[in-house]
Amino acid sequence: MKLTKNTKRAKGMTLLELTVVILVLLSLITILFIGARAWKKGSDRAGCIMNIRNVQQAARSYQNMYNLAIGDDVPAGKLQGADQFLETAPVCPGGGTYSPADLTAAVAIPAIGTPVLSCTLSATQDHVPSDTTGW
């Protein structure tokens, strides 16, 4: 009669293997959240720049159409409103506010390189471009 050793290896994972898997997953999730936060900040910045650029183009278009000089006022309601250059008021996607807040009022044509709008987040973050020379 032969004696055989009946040793079965338990199936599954050890506690150490499970801990390593959980740590790897937590690390990957952390990296994902950091990347998502940076992506959101970048998309907010791009949206804000587009809003400022659109208002700038509206003011320059009105200036060119009516042969206005720098410093002249665009009459109230000519930039923003139904059937105007801007349908609605721009909203900063990062949560900042624009100055001037009301584009339905008269707006002065700025000098070349000076934007019509400014965002409150531009002082605290790299939210809007620092060089607007060609604007």
N, C-alpha and C. Protein backbone atom coordinates (compact mmCIF):
# COMPACT_ATOMS: atom_id res chain seq x y z
N MET A 1 0.82 -1.15 0.00
CA MET A 1 0.00 0.00 0.00
C MET A 1 0.88 1.24 0.00
N LYS A 2 0.60 2.06 -0.95
CA LYS A 2 1.38 3.26 -1.10
C LYS A 2 0.67 4.42 -0.41
N LEU A 3 1.44 5.16 0.31
CA LEU A 3 0.87 6.35 0.94
C LEU A 3 1.13 7.55 0.04
N THR A 4 0.12 8.25 -0.26
CA THR A 4 0.28 9.45 -1.08
C THR A 4 -0.05 10.67 -0.23
N LYS A 5 0.72 11.62 -0.47
CA LYS A 5 0.47 12.86 0.25
C LYS A 5 -0.67 13.58 -0.44
N ASN A 6 -1.66 13.89 0.28
CA ASN A 6 -2.83 14.57 -0.27
C ASN A 6 -2.76 16.05 0.11
N THR A 7 -1.89 16.77 -0.55
CA THR A 7 -1.78 18.20 -0.27
C THR A 7 -2.37 18.96 -1.44
N LYS A 8 -3.39 19.66 -1.15
CA LYS A 8 -4.03 20.50 -2.17
C LYS A 8 -3.63 21.93 -1.92
N ARG A 9 -3.30 22.59 -2.98
CA ARG A 9 -2.96 24.00 -2.88
C ARG A 9 -4.28 24.78 -2.91
N ALA A 10 -4.42 25.67 -1.97
CA ALA A 10 -5.66 26.45 -1.89
C ALA A 10 -5.71 27.43 -3.06
N LYS A 11 -6.89 27.52 -3.65
CA LYS A 11 -7.06 28.44 -4.76
C LYS A 11 -7.40 29.81 -4.20
N GLY A 12 -7.03 30.84 -4.94
CA GLY A 12 -7.35 32.19 -4.52
C GLY A 12 -6.11 33.02 -4.28
N MET A 13 -6.32 34.15 -3.67
CA MET A 13 -5.22 35.08 -3.44
C MET A 13 -4.92 35.18 -1.96
N THR A 14 -3.68 35.43 -1.66
CA THR A 14 -3.31 35.64 -0.27
C THR A 14 -3.65 37.06 0.12
N LEU A 15 -3.61 37.34 1.37
CA LEU A 15 -3.91 38.68 1.87
C LEU A 15 -2.88 39.69 1.36
N LEU A 16 -1.66 39.29 1.25
CA LEU A 16 -0.62 40.16 0.75
C LEU A 16 -0.86 40.51 -0.72
N GLU A 17 -1.21 39.55 -1.53
CA GLU A 17 -1.49 39.80 -2.95
C GLU A 17 -2.69 40.73 -3.11
N LEU A 18 -3.70 40.53 -2.30
CA LEU A 18 -4.89 41.37 -2.35
C LEU A 18 -4.55 42.81 -1.97
N THR A 19 -3.70 42.98 -0.96
CA THR A 19 -3.29 44.31 -0.54
C THR A 19 -2.51 45.02 -1.65
N VAL A 20 -1.64 44.31 -2.32
CA VAL A 20 -0.87 44.91 -3.41
C VAL A 20 -1.78 45.33 -4.55
N VAL A 21 -2.74 44.52 -4.89
CA VAL A 21 -3.69 44.86 -5.96
C VAL A 21 -4.48 46.11 -5.59
N ILE A 22 -4.94 46.19 -4.35
CA ILE A 22 -5.70 47.37 -3.90
C ILE A 22 -4.83 48.62 -3.95
N LEU A 23 -3.58 48.53 -3.53
CA LEU A 23 -2.68 49.69 -3.57
C LEU A 23 -2.41 50.14 -4.99
N VAL A 24 -2.24 49.22 -5.91
CA VAL A 24 -2.02 49.58 -7.31
C VAL A 24 -3.25 50.27 -7.88
N LEU A 25 -4.42 49.76 -7.59
CA LEU A 25 -5.67 50.38 -8.08
C LEU A 25 -5.85 51.77 -7.49
N LEU A 26 -5.58 51.95 -6.21
CA LEU A 26 -5.70 53.28 -5.60
C LEU A 26 -4.70 54.26 -6.22
N SER A 27 -3.52 53.80 -6.51
CA SER A 27 -2.53 54.67 -7.16
C SER A 27 -3.00 55.10 -8.54
N LEU A 28 -3.54 54.18 -9.31
CA LEU A 28 -4.05 54.52 -10.64
C LEU A 28 -5.23 55.48 -10.58
N ILE A 29 -6.10 55.29 -9.62
CA ILE A 29 -7.25 56.20 -9.46
C ILE A 29 -6.77 57.59 -9.08
N THR A 30 -5.78 57.68 -8.21
CA THR A 30 -5.23 58.98 -7.81
C THR A 30 -4.63 59.70 -9.01
N ILE A 31 -3.89 58.99 -9.82
CA ILE A 31 -3.30 59.59 -11.02
C ILE A 31 -4.40 60.05 -11.97
N LEU A 32 -5.46 59.30 -12.09
CA LEU A 32 -6.58 59.66 -12.95
C LEU A 32 -7.23 60.96 -12.48
N PHE A 33 -7.45 61.10 -11.17
CA PHE A 33 -8.09 62.32 -10.65
C PHE A 33 -7.20 63.54 -10.82
N ILE A 34 -5.89 63.38 -10.63
CA ILE A 34 -4.97 64.50 -10.83
C ILE A 34 -4.99 64.93 -12.29
N GLY A 35 -4.98 63.98 -13.20
CA GLY A 35 -5.04 64.30 -14.62
C GLY A 35 -6.35 64.96 -15.02
N ALA A 36 -7.44 64.50 -14.44
CA ALA A 36 -8.75 65.08 -14.76
C ALA A 36 -8.84 66.52 -14.27
N ARG A 37 -8.25 66.80 -13.11
CA ARG A 37 -8.27 68.16 -12.57
C ARG A 37 -7.46 69.09 -13.47
N ALA A 38 -6.31 68.64 -13.94
CA ALA A 38 -5.49 69.46 -14.83
C ALA A 38 -6.20 69.67 -16.16
N TRP A 39 -6.87 68.64 -16.66
CA TRP A 39 -7.61 68.77 -17.91
C TRP A 39 -8.74 69.79 -17.76
N LYS A 40 -9.46 69.75 -16.64
CA LYS A 40 -10.57 70.68 -16.39
C LYS A 40 -10.05 72.12 -16.33
N LYS A 41 -8.93 72.33 -15.65
CA LYS A 41 -8.37 73.67 -15.55
C LYS A 41 -7.98 74.19 -16.94
N GLY A 42 -7.39 73.33 -17.76
CA GLY A 42 -7.02 73.73 -19.10
C GLY A 42 -8.21 74.03 -19.99
N SER A 43 -9.27 73.24 -19.85
CA SER A 43 -10.45 73.50 -20.67
C SER A 43 -11.17 74.77 -20.22
N ASP A 44 -11.15 75.06 -18.91
CA ASP A 44 -11.74 76.31 -18.42
C ASP A 44 -10.97 77.51 -18.95
N ARG A 45 -9.65 77.39 -18.97
CA ARG A 45 -8.81 78.47 -19.49
C ARG A 45 -9.09 78.70 -20.97
N ALA A 46 -9.20 77.62 -21.74
CA ALA A 46 -9.47 77.75 -23.17
C ALA A 46 -10.84 78.38 -23.42
N GLY A 47 -11.84 77.98 -22.63
CA GLY A 47 -13.17 78.56 -22.77
C GLY A 47 -13.19 80.04 -22.45
N CYS A 48 -12.46 80.44 -21.42
CA CYS A 48 -12.40 81.85 -21.03
C CYS A 48 -11.71 82.67 -22.13
N ILE A 49 -10.62 82.14 -22.67
CA ILE A 49 -9.92 82.85 -23.74
C ILE A 49 -10.83 83.01 -24.95
N MET A 50 -11.61 81.98 -25.27
CA MET A 50 -12.53 82.06 -26.41
C MET A 50 -13.61 83.13 -26.17
N ASN A 51 -14.12 83.22 -24.94
CA ASN A 51 -15.11 84.25 -24.62
C ASN A 51 -14.53 85.65 -24.80
N ILE A 52 -13.34 85.86 -24.26
CA ILE A 52 -12.69 87.17 -24.37
C ILE A 52 -12.41 87.49 -25.84
N ARG A 53 -11.96 86.50 -26.59
CA ARG A 53 -11.67 86.68 -28.01
C ARG A 53 -12.92 87.02 -28.82
N ASN A 54 -14.03 86.35 -28.50
CA ASN A 54 -15.28 86.61 -29.23
C ASN A 54 -15.78 88.03 -28.99
N VAL A 55 -15.70 88.50 -27.75
CA VAL A 55 -16.12 89.87 -27.46
C VAL A 55 -15.18 90.86 -28.15
N GLN A 56 -13.89 90.53 -28.16
CA GLN A 56 -12.92 91.40 -28.83
C GLN A 56 -13.22 91.49 -30.33
N GLN A 57 -13.52 90.35 -30.94
CA GLN A 57 -13.85 90.36 -32.37
C GLN A 57 -15.14 91.13 -32.64
N ALA A 58 -16.09 91.03 -31.74
CA ALA A 58 -17.35 91.78 -31.91
C ALA A 58 -17.09 93.28 -31.87
N ALA A 59 -16.28 93.71 -30.92
CA ALA A 59 -15.97 95.14 -30.81
C ALA A 59 -15.19 95.63 -32.02
N ARG A 60 -14.21 94.85 -32.47
CA ARG A 60 -13.41 95.26 -33.64
C ARG A 60 -14.27 95.24 -34.91
N SER A 61 -15.18 94.29 -35.01
CA SER A 61 -16.07 94.25 -36.19
C SER A 61 -16.96 95.48 -36.23
N TYR A 62 -17.52 95.84 -35.07
CA TYR A 62 -18.37 97.02 -35.02
C TYR A 62 -17.55 98.27 -35.35
N GLN A 63 -16.33 98.32 -34.83
CA GLN A 63 -15.45 99.46 -35.11
C GLN A 63 -15.18 99.58 -36.60
N ASN A 64 -14.91 98.46 -37.25
CA ASN A 64 -14.61 98.48 -38.68
C ASN A 64 -15.85 98.80 -39.52
N MET A 65 -16.99 98.28 -39.11
CA MET A 65 -18.22 98.52 -39.88
C MET A 65 -18.64 99.99 -39.86
N TYR A 66 -18.44 100.65 -38.72
CA TYR A 66 -18.91 102.03 -38.57
C TYR A 66 -17.77 103.04 -38.49
N ASN A 67 -16.56 102.62 -38.85
CA ASN A 67 -15.40 103.49 -38.91
C ASN A 67 -15.21 104.29 -37.63
N LEU A 68 -15.19 103.59 -36.50
CA LEU A 68 -15.00 104.23 -35.21
C LEU A 68 -13.52 104.29 -34.86
N ALA A 69 -13.14 105.27 -34.07
CA ALA A 69 -11.76 105.41 -33.61
C ALA A 69 -11.63 104.76 -32.24
N ILE A 70 -10.39 104.53 -31.84
CA ILE A 70 -10.13 103.97 -30.51
C ILE A 70 -10.60 104.98 -29.48
N GLY A 71 -11.34 104.50 -28.51
CA GLY A 71 -11.91 105.37 -27.48
C GLY A 71 -13.36 105.73 -27.73
N ASP A 72 -13.83 105.59 -28.97
CA ASP A 72 -15.24 105.85 -29.26
C ASP A 72 -16.10 104.77 -28.60
N ASP A 73 -17.33 105.12 -28.29
CA ASP A 73 -18.24 104.17 -27.65
C ASP A 73 -19.05 103.40 -28.69
N VAL A 74 -19.19 102.10 -28.42
CA VAL A 74 -20.15 101.29 -29.16
C VAL A 74 -21.48 101.53 -28.45
N PRO A 75 -22.51 101.99 -29.16
CA PRO A 75 -23.78 102.29 -28.49
C PRO A 75 -24.35 101.08 -27.75
N ALA A 76 -25.15 101.37 -26.75
CA ALA A 76 -25.77 100.32 -25.94
C ALA A 76 -26.59 99.39 -26.82
N GLY A 77 -26.45 98.09 -26.58
CA GLY A 77 -27.24 97.09 -27.28
C GLY A 77 -26.71 96.70 -28.65
N LYS A 78 -25.56 97.21 -29.05
CA LYS A 78 -25.05 96.89 -30.38
C LYS A 78 -24.09 95.69 -30.39
N LEU A 79 -23.54 95.34 -29.23
CA LEU A 79 -22.66 94.18 -29.18
C LEU A 79 -23.41 92.92 -28.79
N GLN A 80 -24.29 93.04 -27.80
CA GLN A 80 -24.97 91.85 -27.28
C GLN A 80 -26.48 92.05 -27.35
N GLY A 81 -27.15 91.00 -27.78
CA GLY A 81 -28.60 91.02 -27.87
C GLY A 81 -29.05 90.20 -29.06
N ALA A 82 -30.33 90.14 -29.24
CA ALA A 82 -30.89 89.39 -30.37
C ALA A 82 -30.42 90.03 -31.68
N ASP A 83 -29.94 89.22 -32.59
CA ASP A 83 -29.47 89.66 -33.90
C ASP A 83 -28.29 90.62 -33.83
N GLN A 84 -27.50 90.53 -32.77
CA GLN A 84 -26.29 91.34 -32.65
C GLN A 84 -25.07 90.43 -32.76
N PHE A 85 -23.89 90.95 -32.50
CA PHE A 85 -22.67 90.16 -32.61
C PHE A 85 -22.64 89.02 -31.60
N LEU A 86 -23.12 89.25 -30.40
CA LEU A 86 -23.16 88.24 -29.34
C LEU A 86 -24.61 88.04 -28.92
N GLU A 87 -25.10 86.82 -28.99
CA GLU A 87 -26.49 86.54 -28.60
C GLU A 87 -26.68 86.66 -27.09
N THR A 88 -25.76 86.06 -26.33
CA THR A 88 -25.87 86.05 -24.87
C THR A 88 -24.58 86.56 -24.25
N ALA A 89 -24.67 86.90 -22.97
CA ALA A 89 -23.50 87.36 -22.24
C ALA A 89 -22.55 86.19 -22.00
N PRO A 90 -21.26 86.40 -22.17
CA PRO A 90 -20.31 85.32 -21.91
C PRO A 90 -20.23 85.00 -20.43
N VAL A 91 -20.03 83.73 -20.12
CA VAL A 91 -19.89 83.27 -18.74
C VAL A 91 -18.57 82.53 -18.63
N CYS A 92 -17.77 82.90 -17.64
CA CYS A 92 -16.46 82.26 -17.46
C CYS A 92 -16.67 80.83 -16.98
N PRO A 93 -16.13 79.84 -17.69
CA PRO A 93 -16.32 78.45 -17.28
C PRO A 93 -15.57 78.10 -15.99
N GLY A 94 -14.59 78.92 -15.61
CA GLY A 94 -13.85 78.66 -14.38
C GLY A 94 -14.49 79.26 -13.15
N GLY A 95 -15.59 79.96 -13.32
CA GLY A 95 -16.29 80.55 -12.18
C GLY A 95 -15.94 82.01 -11.93
N GLY A 96 -15.11 82.60 -12.77
CA GLY A 96 -14.78 84.01 -12.61
C GLY A 96 -15.88 84.90 -13.17
N THR A 97 -15.70 86.19 -13.01
CA THR A 97 -16.65 87.15 -13.57
C THR A 97 -15.90 88.08 -14.51
N TYR A 98 -16.62 88.53 -15.51
CA TYR A 98 -16.02 89.42 -16.50
C TYR A 98 -16.33 90.87 -16.17
N SER A 99 -15.39 91.72 -16.55
CA SER A 99 -15.59 93.15 -16.41
C SER A 99 -15.34 93.77 -17.78
N PRO A 100 -16.21 94.52 -18.36
CA PRO A 100 -17.53 94.92 -17.87
C PRO A 100 -18.52 93.76 -17.93
N ALA A 101 -19.36 93.71 -16.91
CA ALA A 101 -20.31 92.60 -16.79
C ALA A 101 -21.47 92.74 -17.76
N ASP A 102 -21.83 93.97 -18.11
CA ASP A 102 -23.00 94.19 -18.96
C ASP A 102 -22.55 94.70 -20.32
N LEU A 103 -22.62 93.82 -21.32
CA LEU A 103 -22.24 94.23 -22.67
C LEU A 103 -23.40 94.84 -23.44
N THR A 104 -24.57 94.92 -22.81
CA THR A 104 -25.68 95.60 -23.47
C THR A 104 -25.57 97.11 -23.27
N ALA A 105 -24.70 97.56 -22.35
CA ALA A 105 -24.46 98.98 -22.15
C ALA A 105 -23.39 99.44 -23.15
N ALA A 106 -23.14 100.73 -23.19
CA ALA A 106 -22.13 101.27 -24.10
C ALA A 106 -20.75 100.77 -23.67
N VAL A 107 -19.94 100.39 -24.66
CA VAL A 107 -18.59 99.89 -24.42
C VAL A 107 -17.64 100.71 -25.27
N ALA A 108 -16.53 101.14 -24.68
CA ALA A 108 -15.53 101.91 -25.42
C ALA A 108 -14.64 100.98 -26.23
N ILE A 109 -14.27 101.41 -27.43
CA ILE A 109 -13.35 100.65 -28.27
C ILE A 109 -11.96 100.77 -27.64
N PRO A 110 -11.35 99.65 -27.26
CA PRO A 110 -10.04 99.73 -26.60
C PRO A 110 -8.91 99.90 -27.62
N ALA A 111 -7.75 100.24 -27.10
CA ALA A 111 -6.55 100.34 -27.94
C ALA A 111 -6.17 98.94 -28.42
N ILE A 112 -5.40 98.89 -29.49
CA ILE A 112 -4.93 97.60 -30.01
C ILE A 112 -4.08 96.93 -28.93
N GLY A 113 -4.36 95.67 -28.68
CA GLY A 113 -3.62 94.93 -27.65
C GLY A 113 -4.29 94.94 -26.29
N THR A 114 -5.36 95.71 -26.15
CA THR A 114 -6.09 95.76 -24.88
C THR A 114 -7.43 95.08 -25.07
N PRO A 115 -7.70 94.00 -24.32
CA PRO A 115 -8.98 93.32 -24.48
C PRO A 115 -10.15 94.14 -23.92
N VAL A 116 -11.32 93.94 -24.50
CA VAL A 116 -12.52 94.60 -24.01
C VAL A 116 -12.91 94.01 -22.65
N LEU A 117 -12.85 92.69 -22.53
CA LEU A 117 -13.21 92.00 -21.29
C LEU A 117 -11.97 91.64 -20.49
N SER A 118 -12.13 91.60 -19.18
CA SER A 118 -11.09 91.04 -18.32
C SER A 118 -11.78 90.10 -17.34
N CYS A 119 -11.10 89.03 -16.98
CA CYS A 119 -11.64 88.02 -16.09
C CYS A 119 -11.03 88.18 -14.71
N THR A 120 -11.82 87.99 -13.67
CA THR A 120 -11.30 88.12 -12.30
C THR A 120 -10.29 87.03 -11.97
N LEU A 121 -10.30 85.92 -12.69
CA LEU A 121 -9.35 84.84 -12.41
C LEU A 121 -7.99 85.09 -13.04
N SER A 122 -7.85 86.12 -13.86
CA SER A 122 -6.57 86.35 -14.54
C SER A 122 -5.48 86.78 -13.57
N ALA A 123 -5.83 87.38 -12.44
CA ALA A 123 -4.82 87.82 -11.48
C ALA A 123 -4.34 86.68 -10.59
N THR A 124 -5.19 85.71 -10.34
CA THR A 124 -4.84 84.65 -9.40
C THR A 124 -4.29 83.40 -10.06
N GLN A 125 -4.59 83.18 -11.31
CA GLN A 125 -4.18 81.96 -11.99
C GLN A 125 -3.67 82.31 -13.37
N ASP A 126 -3.09 81.33 -14.03
CA ASP A 126 -2.71 81.50 -15.43
C ASP A 126 -3.95 81.21 -16.25
N HIS A 127 -4.92 82.11 -16.17
CA HIS A 127 -6.24 81.85 -16.73
C HIS A 127 -6.44 82.48 -18.11
N VAL A 128 -5.85 83.62 -18.33
CA VAL A 128 -5.96 84.29 -19.63
C VAL A 128 -4.55 84.64 -20.10
N PRO A 129 -4.35 84.79 -21.40
CA PRO A 129 -2.99 85.07 -21.87
C PRO A 129 -2.50 86.43 -21.39
N SER A 130 -1.23 86.48 -21.04
CA SER A 130 -0.66 87.75 -20.57
C SER A 130 -0.32 88.66 -21.73
N ASP A 131 -0.14 88.10 -22.92
CA ASP A 131 0.22 88.91 -24.09
C ASP A 131 -0.94 88.94 -25.07
N THR A 132 -1.55 90.11 -25.21
CA THR A 132 -2.66 90.28 -26.16
C THR A 132 -2.28 91.35 -27.18
N THR A 133 -1.04 91.34 -27.60
CA THR A 133 -0.51 92.38 -28.48
C THR A 133 -1.32 92.54 -29.76
N GLY A 134 -1.67 91.45 -30.41
CA GLY A 134 -2.36 91.55 -31.70
C GLY A 134 -3.87 91.69 -31.58
N TRP A 135 -4.39 91.78 -30.38
CA TRP A 135 -5.84 91.84 -30.21
C TRP A 135 -6.31 93.24 -30.47
